[in-house]
Amino acid sequence: DAAFELAFDPFVPASHGVQAVRLRGDDHDRLVYDLLGHP
């Protein structure tokens, strides 16, 4: 959580910069990957 709070910028999408995602350790992780079209 500490890393996510430092890295996340709500105004920067993955298509235009670095979008931070909190690792969950299950298929929530690949769901985000699929939702954004595999950046």
PDB file of all heavy atoms in Angstrom:
ATOM      1  N   ASP A   1       0.817  -1.215   0.000  1.00  0.00           N
ATOM      2  CA  ASP A   1       0.000   0.000   0.000  1.00  0.00           C
ATOM      3  C   ASP A   1       0.845   1.257   0.000  1.00  0.00           C
ATOM      4  O   ASP A   1       0.494   2.259  -0.640  1.00  0.00           O
ATOM      5  CB  ASP A   1      -0.927   0.001   1.220  1.00  0.00           C
ATOM      6  CG  ASP A   1      -1.984  -1.090   1.147  1.00  0.00           C
ATOM      7  OD1 ASP A   1      -2.276  -1.558   0.023  1.00  0.00           O
ATOM      8  OD2 ASP A   1      -2.510  -1.482   2.204  1.00  0.00           O
ATOM      9  N   ALA A   2       1.966   1.257   0.742  1.00  0.00           N
ATOM     10  CA  ALA A   2       2.818   2.446   0.805  1.00  0.00           C
ATOM     11  C   ALA A   2       3.371   2.788  -0.569  1.00  0.00           C
ATOM     12  O   ALA A   2       3.410   3.960  -0.966  1.00  0.00           O
ATOM     13  CB  ALA A   2       3.956   2.213   1.800  1.00  0.00           C
ATOM     14  N   ALA A   3       3.805   1.786  -1.319  1.00  0.00           N
ATOM     15  CA  ALA A   3       4.317   2.020  -2.671  1.00  0.00           C
ATOM     16  C   ALA A   3       3.218   2.533  -3.585  1.00  0.00           C
ATOM     17  O   ALA A   3       3.430   3.445  -4.398  1.00  0.00           O
ATOM     18  CB  ALA A   3       4.932   0.738  -3.225  1.00  0.00           C
ATOM     19  N   PHE A   4       2.029   1.964  -3.458  1.00  0.00           N
ATOM     20  CA  PHE A   4       0.921   2.394  -4.310  1.00  0.00           C
ATOM     21  C   PHE A   4       0.552   3.856  -4.047  1.00  0.00           C
ATOM     22  O   PHE A   4       0.302   4.625  -4.981  1.00  0.00           O
ATOM     23  CB  PHE A   4      -0.280   1.494  -4.075  1.00  0.00           C
ATOM     24  CG  PHE A   4      -1.485   1.877  -4.892  1.00  0.00           C
ATOM     25  CD1 PHE A   4      -1.518   1.663  -6.256  1.00  0.00           C
ATOM     26  CD2 PHE A   4      -2.587   2.469  -4.289  1.00  0.00           C
ATOM     27  CE1 PHE A   4      -2.624   2.025  -7.011  1.00  0.00           C
ATOM     28  CE2 PHE A   4      -3.699   2.832  -5.030  1.00  0.00           C
ATOM     29  CZ  PHE A   4      -3.715   2.606  -6.399  1.00  0.00           C
ATOM     30  N   GLU A   5       0.514   4.253  -2.775  1.00  0.00           N
ATOM     31  CA  GLU A   5       0.168   5.635  -2.444  1.00  0.00           C
ATOM     32  C   GLU A   5       1.181   6.616  -3.022  1.00  0.00           C
ATOM     33  O   GLU A   5       0.831   7.736  -3.414  1.00  0.00           O
ATOM     34  CB  GLU A   5       0.080   5.795  -0.926  1.00  0.00           C
ATOM     35  CG  GLU A   5      -1.124   5.079  -0.320  1.00  0.00           C
ATOM     36  CD  GLU A   5      -1.127   5.112   1.196  1.00  0.00           C
ATOM     37  OE1 GLU A   5      -0.157   5.673   1.763  1.00  0.00           O
ATOM     38  OE2 GLU A   5      -2.057   4.583   1.810  1.00  0.00           O
ATOM     39  N   LEU A   6       2.450   6.217  -3.083  1.00  0.00           N
ATOM     40  CA  LEU A   6       3.482   7.083  -3.643  1.00  0.00           C
ATOM     41  C   LEU A   6       3.458   7.100  -5.166  1.00  0.00           C
ATOM     42  O   LEU A   6       3.753   8.131  -5.793  1.00  0.00           O
ATOM     43  CB  LEU A   6       4.868   6.626  -3.165  1.00  0.00           C
ATOM     44  CG  LEU A   6       5.176   6.818  -1.682  1.00  0.00           C
ATOM     45  CD1 LEU A   6       6.474   6.105  -1.322  1.00  0.00           C
ATOM     46  CD2 LEU A   6       5.282   8.304  -1.341  1.00  0.00           C
ATOM     47  N   ALA A   7       3.108   5.972  -5.784  1.00  0.00           N
ATOM     48  CA  ALA A   7       3.240   5.842  -7.232  1.00  0.00           C
ATOM     49  C   ALA A   7       1.989   6.226  -8.005  1.00  0.00           C
ATOM     50  O   ALA A   7       2.080   6.634  -9.173  1.00  0.00           O
ATOM     51  CB  ALA A   7       3.621   4.399  -7.581  1.00  0.00           C
ATOM     52  N   PHE A   8       0.816   6.127  -7.389  1.00  0.00           N
ATOM     53  CA  PHE A   8      -0.427   6.287  -8.144  1.00  0.00           C
ATOM     54  C   PHE A   8      -0.741   7.750  -8.423  1.00  0.00           C
ATOM     55  O   PHE A   8      -0.724   8.592  -7.526  1.00  0.00           O
ATOM     56  CB  PHE A   8      -1.587   5.660  -7.381  1.00  0.00           C
ATOM     57  CG  PHE A   8      -2.903   5.770  -8.110  1.00  0.00           C
ATOM     58  CD1 PHE A   8      -3.099   5.099  -9.302  1.00  0.00           C
ATOM     59  CD2 PHE A   8      -3.925   6.551  -7.601  1.00  0.00           C
ATOM     60  CE1 PHE A   8      -4.319   5.191  -9.976  1.00  0.00           C
ATOM     61  CE2 PHE A   8      -5.140   6.655  -8.267  1.00  0.00           C
ATOM     62  CZ  PHE A   8      -5.329   5.980  -9.451  1.00  0.00           C
ATOM     63  N   ASP A   9      -1.027   8.043  -9.685  1.00  0.00           N
ATOM     64  CA  ASP A   9      -1.499   9.354 -10.114  1.00  0.00           C
ATOM     65  C   ASP A   9      -2.814   9.133 -10.853  1.00  0.00           C
ATOM     66  O   ASP A   9      -2.822   8.539 -11.939  1.00  0.00           O
ATOM     67  CB  ASP A   9      -0.484  10.021 -11.036  1.00  0.00           C
ATOM     68  CG  ASP A   9      -0.876  11.449 -11.418  1.00  0.00           C
ATOM     69  OD1 ASP A   9      -2.073  11.785 -11.304  1.00  0.00           O
ATOM     70  OD2 ASP A   9       0.005  12.218 -11.842  1.00  0.00           O
ATOM     71  N   PRO A  10      -3.958   9.582 -10.298  1.00  0.00           N
ATOM     72  CA  PRO A  10      -5.254   9.290 -10.914  1.00  0.00           C
ATOM     73  C   PRO A  10      -5.436   9.920 -12.288  1.00  0.00           C
ATOM     74  O   PRO A  10      -6.349   9.536 -13.025  1.00  0.00           O
ATOM     75  CB  PRO A  10      -6.267   9.855  -9.902  1.00  0.00           C
ATOM     76  CG  PRO A  10      -5.504  10.887  -9.142  1.00  0.00           C
ATOM     77  CD  PRO A  10      -4.095  10.389  -9.064  1.00  0.00           C
ATOM     78  N   PHE A  11      -4.573  10.868 -12.638  1.00  0.00           N
ATOM     79  CA  PHE A  11      -4.722  11.566 -13.921  1.00  0.00           C
ATOM     80  C   PHE A  11      -3.802  11.014 -15.009  1.00  0.00           C
ATOM     81  O   PHE A  11      -3.755  11.560 -16.107  1.00  0.00           O
ATOM     82  CB  PHE A  11      -4.446  13.063 -13.732  1.00  0.00           C
ATOM     83  CG  PHE A  11      -5.370  13.711 -12.731  1.00  0.00           C
ATOM     84  CD1 PHE A  11      -4.911  14.057 -11.466  1.00  0.00           C
ATOM     85  CD2 PHE A  11      -6.701  13.953 -13.036  1.00  0.00           C
ATOM     86  CE1 PHE A  11      -5.753  14.644 -10.536  1.00  0.00           C
ATOM     87  CE2 PHE A  11      -7.546  14.534 -12.106  1.00  0.00           C
ATOM     88  CZ  PHE A  11      -7.078  14.886 -10.861  1.00  0.00           C
ATOM     89  N   VAL A  12      -3.076   9.943 -14.717  1.00  0.00           N
ATOM     90  CA  VAL A  12      -2.144   9.369 -15.694  1.00  0.00           C
ATOM     91  C   VAL A  12      -2.604   7.953 -16.042  1.00  0.00           C
ATOM     92  O   VAL A  12      -2.431   7.023 -15.250  1.00  0.00           O
ATOM     93  CB  VAL A  12      -0.706   9.337 -15.150  1.00  0.00           C
ATOM     94  CG1 VAL A  12       0.235   8.700 -16.176  1.00  0.00           C
ATOM     95  CG2 VAL A  12      -0.235  10.739 -14.805  1.00  0.00           C
ATOM     96  N   PRO A  13      -3.195   7.751 -17.253  1.00  0.00           N
ATOM     97  CA  PRO A  13      -3.580   6.402 -17.672  1.00  0.00           C
ATOM     98  C   PRO A  13      -2.381   5.655 -18.243  1.00  0.00           C
ATOM     99  O   PRO A  13      -1.351   6.257 -18.585  1.00  0.00           O
ATOM    100  CB  PRO A  13      -4.629   6.671 -18.760  1.00  0.00           C
ATOM    101  CG  PRO A  13      -4.208   7.990 -19.350  1.00  0.00           C
ATOM    102  CD  PRO A  13      -3.610   8.785 -18.207  1.00  0.00           C
ATOM    103  N   ALA A  14      -2.525   4.358 -18.380  1.00  0.00           N
ATOM    104  CA  ALA A  14      -1.423   3.528 -18.869  1.00  0.00           C
ATOM    105  C   ALA A  14      -1.017   3.881 -20.294  1.00  0.00           C
ATOM    106  O   ALA A  14       0.127   3.665 -20.693  1.00  0.00           O
ATOM    107  CB  ALA A  14      -1.816   2.055 -18.788  1.00  0.00           C
ATOM    108  N   SER A  15      -1.946   4.460 -21.071  1.00  0.00           N
ATOM    109  CA  SER A  15      -1.639   4.796 -22.460  1.00  0.00           C
ATOM    110  C   SER A  15      -0.798   6.054 -22.593  1.00  0.00           C
ATOM    111  O   SER A  15      -0.205   6.303 -23.654  1.00  0.00           O
ATOM    112  CB  SER A  15      -2.938   4.961 -23.250  1.00  0.00           C
ATOM    113  OG  SER A  15      -3.755   5.963 -22.656  1.00  0.00           O
ATOM    114  N   HIS A  16      -0.725   6.864 -21.540  1.00  0.00           N
ATOM    115  CA  HIS A  16      -0.001   8.131 -21.621  1.00  0.00           C
ATOM    116  C   HIS A  16       1.067   8.290 -20.544  1.00  0.00           C
ATOM    117  O   HIS A  16       1.644   9.370 -20.394  1.00  0.00           O
ATOM    118  CB  HIS A  16      -0.986   9.303 -21.516  1.00  0.00           C
ATOM    119  CG  HIS A  16      -1.895   9.434 -22.691  1.00  0.00           C
ATOM    120  ND1 HIS A  16      -3.005   8.619 -22.861  1.00  0.00           N
ATOM    121  CD2 HIS A  16      -1.861  10.254 -23.773  1.00  0.00           C
ATOM    122  CE1 HIS A  16      -3.614   8.953 -23.992  1.00  0.00           C
ATOM    123  NE2 HIS A  16      -2.947   9.939 -24.565  1.00  0.00           N
ATOM    124  N   GLY A  17       1.321   7.264 -19.790  1.00  0.00           N
ATOM    125  CA  GLY A  17       2.320   7.350 -18.732  1.00  0.00           C
ATOM    126  C   GLY A  17       2.339   6.063 -17.938  1.00  0.00           C
ATOM    127  O   GLY A  17       1.912   5.009 -18.419  1.00  0.00           O
ATOM    128  N   VAL A  18       2.807   6.171 -16.713  1.00  0.00           N
ATOM    129  CA  VAL A  18       2.911   4.996 -15.850  1.00  0.00           C
ATOM    130  C   VAL A  18       1.714   4.971 -14.907  1.00  0.00           C
ATOM    131  O   VAL A  18       1.533   5.880 -14.095  1.00  0.00           O
ATOM    132  CB  VAL A  18       4.223   5.022 -15.038  1.00  0.00           C
ATOM    133  CG1 VAL A  18       4.288   3.809 -14.108  1.00  0.00           C
ATOM    134  CG2 VAL A  18       5.427   5.036 -15.970  1.00  0.00           C
ATOM    135  N   GLN A  19       0.896   3.949 -15.037  1.00  0.00           N
ATOM    136  CA  GLN A  19      -0.279   3.790 -14.176  1.00  0.00           C
ATOM    137  C   GLN A  19       0.029   2.728 -13.129  1.00  0.00           C
ATOM    138  O   GLN A  19       0.222   1.556 -13.451  1.00  0.00           O
ATOM    139  CB  GLN A  19      -1.500   3.382 -14.993  1.00  0.00           C
ATOM    140  CG  GLN A  19      -2.764   3.226 -14.156  1.00  0.00           C
ATOM    141  CD  GLN A  19      -3.995   2.951 -15.008  1.00  0.00           C
ATOM    142  OE1 GLN A  19      -3.982   3.190 -16.214  1.00  0.00           O
ATOM    143  NE2 GLN A  19      -5.046   2.459 -14.402  1.00  0.00           N
ATOM    144  N   ALA A  20       0.081   3.153 -11.864  1.00  0.00           N
ATOM    145  CA  ALA A  20       0.393   2.222 -10.778  1.00  0.00           C
ATOM    146  C   ALA A  20      -0.827   1.378 -10.441  1.00  0.00           C
ATOM    147  O   ALA A  20      -1.965   1.861 -10.431  1.00  0.00           O
ATOM    148  CB  ALA A  20       0.856   2.983  -9.544  1.00  0.00           C
ATOM    149  N   VAL A  21      -0.589   0.091 -10.160  1.00  0.00           N
ATOM    150  CA  VAL A  21      -1.643  -0.849  -9.799  1.00  0.00           C
ATOM    151  C   VAL A  21      -1.192  -1.604  -8.564  1.00  0.00           C
ATOM    152  O   VAL A  21      -0.051  -2.071  -8.496  1.00  0.00           O
ATOM    153  CB  VAL A  21      -1.927  -1.842 -10.943  1.00  0.00           C
ATOM    154  CG1 VAL A  21      -3.029  -2.818 -10.539  1.00  0.00           C
ATOM    155  CG2 VAL A  21      -2.299  -1.111 -12.214  1.00  0.00           C
ATOM    156  N   ARG A  22      -2.075  -1.713  -7.590  1.00  0.00           N
ATOM    157  CA  ARG A  22      -1.761  -2.477  -6.375  1.00  0.00           C
ATOM    158  C   ARG A  22      -1.850  -3.964  -6.683  1.00  0.00           C
ATOM    159  O   ARG A  22      -2.886  -4.456  -7.125  1.00  0.00           O
ATOM    160  CB  ARG A  22      -2.737  -2.094  -5.264  1.00  0.00           C
ATOM    161  CG  ARG A  22      -2.572  -2.902  -3.978  1.00  0.00           C
ATOM    162  CD  ARG A  22      -1.245  -2.598  -3.306  1.00  0.00           C
ATOM    163  NE  ARG A  22      -1.185  -3.151  -1.964  1.00  0.00           N
ATOM    164  CZ  ARG A  22      -0.730  -4.373  -1.671  1.00  0.00           C
ATOM    165  NH1 ARG A  22      -0.318  -5.176  -2.642  1.00  0.00           N
ATOM    166  NH2 ARG A  22      -0.699  -4.781  -0.414  1.00  0.00           N
ATOM    167  N   LEU A  23      -0.759  -4.687  -6.479  1.00  0.00           N
ATOM    168  CA  LEU A  23      -0.738  -6.125  -6.701  1.00  0.00           C
ATOM    169  C   LEU A  23      -1.663  -6.823  -5.711  1.00  0.00           C
ATOM    170  O   LEU A  23      -1.572  -6.594  -4.509  1.00  0.00           O
ATOM    171  CB  LEU A  23       0.690  -6.645  -6.552  1.00  0.00           C
ATOM    172  CG  LEU A  23       0.938  -8.081  -6.991  1.00  0.00           C
ATOM    173  CD1 LEU A  23       0.959  -8.183  -8.516  1.00  0.00           C
ATOM    174  CD2 LEU A  23       2.259  -8.588  -6.434  1.00  0.00           C
ATOM    175  N   ARG A  24      -2.545  -7.689  -6.204  1.00  0.00           N
ATOM    176  CA  ARG A  24      -3.484  -8.401  -5.347  1.00  0.00           C
ATOM    177  C   ARG A  24      -3.064  -9.850  -5.108  1.00  0.00           C
ATOM    178  O   ARG A  24      -3.478 -10.465  -4.137  1.00  0.00           O
ATOM    179  CB  ARG A  24      -4.879  -8.386  -5.963  1.00  0.00           C
ATOM    180  CG  ARG A  24      -5.440  -6.999  -6.232  1.00  0.00           C
ATOM    181  CD  ARG A  24      -5.886  -6.297  -4.974  1.00  0.00           C
ATOM    182  NE  ARG A  24      -6.661  -5.105  -5.280  1.00  0.00           N
ATOM    183  CZ  ARG A  24      -7.980  -5.076  -5.403  1.00  0.00           C
ATOM    184  NH1 ARG A  24      -8.680  -6.182  -5.238  1.00  0.00           N
ATOM    185  NH2 ARG A  24      -8.611  -3.964  -5.694  1.00  0.00           N
ATOM    186  N   GLY A  25      -2.344 -10.445  -6.051  1.00  0.00           N
ATOM    187  CA  GLY A  25      -1.923 -11.830  -5.890  1.00  0.00           C
ATOM    188  C   GLY A  25      -2.944 -12.851  -6.357  1.00  0.00           C
ATOM    189  O   GLY A  25      -2.835 -14.034  -6.022  1.00  0.00           O
ATOM    190  N   ASP A  26      -3.946 -12.414  -7.121  1.00  0.00           N
ATOM    191  CA  ASP A  26      -4.927 -13.338  -7.695  1.00  0.00           C
ATOM    192  C   ASP A  26      -5.322 -12.809  -9.058  1.00  0.00           C
ATOM    193  O   ASP A  26      -4.608 -11.995  -9.654  1.00  0.00           O
ATOM    194  CB  ASP A  26      -6.120 -13.521  -6.759  1.00  0.00           C
ATOM    195  CG  ASP A  26      -6.946 -12.237  -6.590  1.00  0.00           C
ATOM    196  OD1 ASP A  26      -6.536 -11.187  -7.130  1.00  0.00           O
ATOM    197  OD2 ASP A  26      -7.990 -12.282  -5.909  1.00  0.00           O
ATOM    198  N   ASP A  27      -6.463 -13.240  -9.576  1.00  0.00           N
ATOM    199  CA  ASP A  27      -6.824 -12.844 -10.939  1.00  0.00           C
ATOM    200  C   ASP A  27      -7.401 -11.442 -11.032  1.00  0.00           C
ATOM    201  O   ASP A  27      -7.764 -11.004 -12.139  1.00  0.00           O
ATOM    202  CB  ASP A  27      -7.781 -13.871 -11.553  1.00  0.00           C
ATOM    203  CG  ASP A  27      -7.042 -15.121 -12.003  1.00  0.00           C
ATOM    204  OD1 ASP A  27      -5.875 -14.993 -12.407  1.00  0.00           O
ATOM    205  OD2 ASP A  27      -7.620 -16.222 -11.937  1.00  0.00           O
ATOM    206  N   HIS A  28      -7.466 -10.702  -9.927  1.00  0.00           N
ATOM    207  CA  HIS A  28      -7.694  -9.262 -10.041  1.00  0.00           C
ATOM    208  C   HIS A  28      -6.580  -8.632 -10.867  1.00  0.00           C
ATOM    209  O   HIS A  28      -6.803  -7.647 -11.592  1.00  0.00           O
ATOM    210  CB  HIS A  28      -7.715  -8.606  -8.654  1.00  0.00           C
ATOM    211  CG  HIS A  28      -8.991  -8.792  -7.904  1.00  0.00           C
ATOM    212  ND1 HIS A  28      -9.185  -9.828  -7.012  1.00  0.00           N
ATOM    213  CD2 HIS A  28     -10.150  -8.081  -7.896  1.00  0.00           C
ATOM    214  CE1 HIS A  28     -10.396  -9.738  -6.478  1.00  0.00           C
ATOM    215  NE2 HIS A  28     -11.007  -8.688  -7.005  1.00  0.00           N
ATOM    216  N   ASP A  29      -5.357  -9.175 -10.758  1.00  0.00           N
ATOM    217  CA  ASP A  29      -4.208  -8.606 -11.469  1.00  0.00           C
ATOM    218  C   ASP A  29      -4.362  -8.741 -12.978  1.00  0.00           C
ATOM    219  O   ASP A  29      -4.148  -7.789 -13.726  1.00  0.00           O
ATOM    220  CB  ASP A  29      -2.915  -9.291 -11.010  1.00  0.00           C
ATOM    221  CG  ASP A  29      -2.624  -9.060  -9.536  1.00  0.00           C
ATOM    222  OD1 ASP A  29      -3.022  -8.003  -9.009  1.00  0.00           O
ATOM    223  OD2 ASP A  29      -2.010  -9.935  -8.910  1.00  0.00           O
ATOM    224  N   ARG A  30      -4.742  -9.919 -13.450  1.00  0.00           N
ATOM    225  CA  ARG A  30      -4.873 -10.054 -14.910  1.00  0.00           C
ATOM    226  C   ARG A  30      -6.173  -9.440 -15.415  1.00  0.00           C
ATOM    227  O   ARG A  30      -6.285  -9.110 -16.601  1.00  0.00           O
ATOM    228  CB  ARG A  30      -4.744 -11.510 -15.331  1.00  0.00           C
ATOM    229  CG  ARG A  30      -5.874 -12.449 -14.948  1.00  0.00           C
ATOM    230  CD  ARG A  30      -5.700 -13.747 -15.729  1.00  0.00           C
ATOM    231  NE  ARG A  30      -6.489 -14.837 -15.220  1.00  0.00           N
ATOM    232  CZ  ARG A  30      -7.188 -15.650 -16.019  1.00  0.00           C
ATOM    233  NH1 ARG A  30      -7.187 -15.470 -17.322  1.00  0.00           N
ATOM    234  NH2 ARG A  30      -7.858 -16.661 -15.496  1.00  0.00           N
ATOM    235  N   LEU A  31      -7.170  -9.258 -14.538  1.00  0.00           N
ATOM    236  CA  LEU A  31      -8.388  -8.578 -14.958  1.00  0.00           C
ATOM    237  C   LEU A  31      -8.085  -7.145 -15.376  1.00  0.00           C
ATOM    238  O   LEU A  31      -8.566  -6.670 -16.414  1.00  0.00           O
ATOM    239  CB  LEU A  31      -9.423  -8.615 -13.835  1.00  0.00           C
ATOM    240  CG  LEU A  31     -10.763  -7.937 -14.135  1.00  0.00           C
ATOM    241  CD1 LEU A  31     -11.476  -8.629 -15.281  1.00  0.00           C
ATOM    242  CD2 LEU A  31     -11.654  -7.933 -12.896  1.00  0.00           C
ATOM    243  N   VAL A  32      -7.275  -6.434 -14.582  1.00  0.00           N
ATOM    244  CA  VAL A  32      -6.879  -5.063 -14.956  1.00  0.00           C
ATOM    245  C   VAL A  32      -6.120  -5.073 -16.282  1.00  0.00           C
ATOM    246  O   VAL A  32      -6.356  -4.231 -17.162  1.00  0.00           O
ATOM    247  CB  VAL A  32      -6.008  -4.442 -13.844  1.00  0.00           C
ATOM    248  CG1 VAL A  32      -5.482  -3.078 -14.270  1.00  0.00           C
ATOM    249  CG2 VAL A  32      -6.800  -4.310 -12.554  1.00  0.00           C
ATOM    250  N   TYR A  33      -5.218  -6.016 -16.426  1.00  0.00           N
ATOM    251  CA  TYR A  33      -4.431  -6.160 -17.651  1.00  0.00           C
ATOM    252  C   TYR A  33      -5.337  -6.367 -18.866  1.00  0.00           C
ATOM    253  O   TYR A  33      -5.150  -5.747 -19.921  1.00  0.00           O
ATOM    254  CB  TYR A  33      -3.477  -7.335 -17.461  1.00  0.00           C
ATOM    255  CG  TYR A  33      -2.512  -7.610 -18.585  1.00  0.00           C
ATOM    256  CD1 TYR A  33      -1.695  -6.612 -19.099  1.00  0.00           C
ATOM    257  CD2 TYR A  33      -2.401  -8.900 -19.111  1.00  0.00           C
ATOM    258  CE1 TYR A  33      -0.785  -6.887 -20.120  1.00  0.00           C
ATOM    259  CE2 TYR A  33      -1.498  -9.187 -20.123  1.00  0.00           C
ATOM    260  CZ  TYR A  33      -0.695  -8.181 -20.619  1.00  0.00           C
ATOM    261  OH  TYR A  33       0.195  -8.466 -21.625  1.00  0.00           O
ATOM    262  N   ASP A  34      -6.354  -7.220 -18.730  1.00  0.00           N
ATOM    263  CA  ASP A  34      -7.287  -7.468 -19.828  1.00  0.00           C
ATOM    264  C   ASP A  34      -8.179  -6.262 -20.090  1.00  0.00           C
ATOM    265  O   ASP A  34      -8.463  -5.918 -21.246  1.00  0.00           O
ATOM    266  CB  ASP A  34      -8.168  -8.689 -19.511  1.00  0.00           C
ATOM    267  CG  ASP A  34      -7.408 -10.003 -19.580  1.00  0.00           C
ATOM    268  OD1 ASP A  34      -6.244  -9.996 -20.051  1.00  0.00           O
ATOM    269  OD2 ASP A  34      -7.955 -11.034 -19.142  1.00  0.00           O
ATOM    270  N   LEU A  35      -8.646  -5.598 -19.030  1.00  0.00           N
ATOM    271  CA  LEU A  35      -9.538  -4.448 -19.185  1.00  0.00           C
ATOM    272  C   LEU A  35      -8.885  -3.333 -19.996  1.00  0.00           C
ATOM    273  O   LEU A  35      -9.543  -2.638 -20.772  1.00  0.00           O
ATOM    274  CB  LEU A  35      -9.937  -3.906 -17.808  1.00  0.00           C
ATOM    275  CG  LEU A  35     -10.999  -4.675 -17.025  1.00  0.00           C
ATOM    276  CD1 LEU A  35     -11.138  -4.110 -15.626  1.00  0.00           C
ATOM    277  CD2 LEU A  35     -12.334  -4.625 -17.750  1.00  0.00           C
ATOM    278  N   LEU A  36      -7.568  -3.151 -19.832  1.00  0.00           N
ATOM    279  CA  LEU A  36      -6.872  -2.056 -20.500  1.00  0.00           C
ATOM    280  C   LEU A  36      -6.240  -2.476 -21.817  1.00  0.00           C
ATOM    281  O   LEU A  36      -5.441  -1.731 -22.396  1.00  0.00           O
ATOM    282  CB  LEU A  36      -5.812  -1.477 -19.559  1.00  0.00           C
ATOM    283  CG  LEU A  36      -6.365  -0.843 -18.273  1.00  0.00           C
ATOM    284  CD1 LEU A  36      -5.241  -0.286 -17.416  1.00  0.00           C
ATOM    285  CD2 LEU A  36      -7.369   0.253 -18.596  1.00  0.00           C
ATOM    286  N   GLY A  37      -6.582  -3.668 -22.312  1.00  0.00           N
ATOM    287  CA  GLY A  37      -6.130  -4.068 -23.632  1.00  0.00           C
ATOM    288  C   GLY A  37      -4.686  -4.500 -23.718  1.00  0.00           C
ATOM    289  O   GLY A  37      -4.044  -4.344 -24.758  1.00  0.00           O
ATOM    290  N   HIS A  38      -4.118  -5.022 -22.620  1.00  0.00           N
ATOM    291  CA  HIS A  38      -2.752  -5.563 -22.580  1.00  0.00           C
ATOM    292  C   HIS A  38      -1.675  -4.526 -22.922  1.00  0.00           C
ATOM    293  O   HIS A  38      -0.915  -4.692 -23.873  1.00  0.00           O
ATOM    294  CB  HIS A  38      -2.623  -6.772 -23.517  1.00  0.00           C
ATOM    295  CG  HIS A  38      -3.527  -7.902 -23.151  1.00  0.00           C
ATOM    296  ND1 HIS A  38      -3.703  -9.020 -23.937  1.00  0.00           N
ATOM    297  CD2 HIS A  38      -4.329  -8.107 -22.062  1.00  0.00           C
ATOM    298  CE1 HIS A  38      -4.554  -9.842 -23.357  1.00  0.00           C
ATOM    299  NE2 HIS A  38      -4.951  -9.301 -22.220  1.00  0.00           N
ATOM    300  N   PRO A  39      -1.593  -3.451 -22.125  1.00  0.00           N
ATOM    301  CA  PRO A  39      -0.505  -2.483 -22.316  1.00  0.00           C
ATOM    302  C   PRO A  39       0.809  -3.057 -21.812  1.00  0.00           C
ATOM    303  O   PRO A  39       0.825  -4.151 -21.227  1.00  0.00           O
ATOM    304  CB  PRO A  39      -0.953  -1.303 -21.446  1.00  0.00           C
ATOM    305  CG  PRO A  39      -1.734  -1.944 -20.346  1.00  0.00           C
ATOM    306  CD  PRO A  39      -2.444  -3.109 -20.979  1.00  0.00           C
TER     307      PRO A  39
END
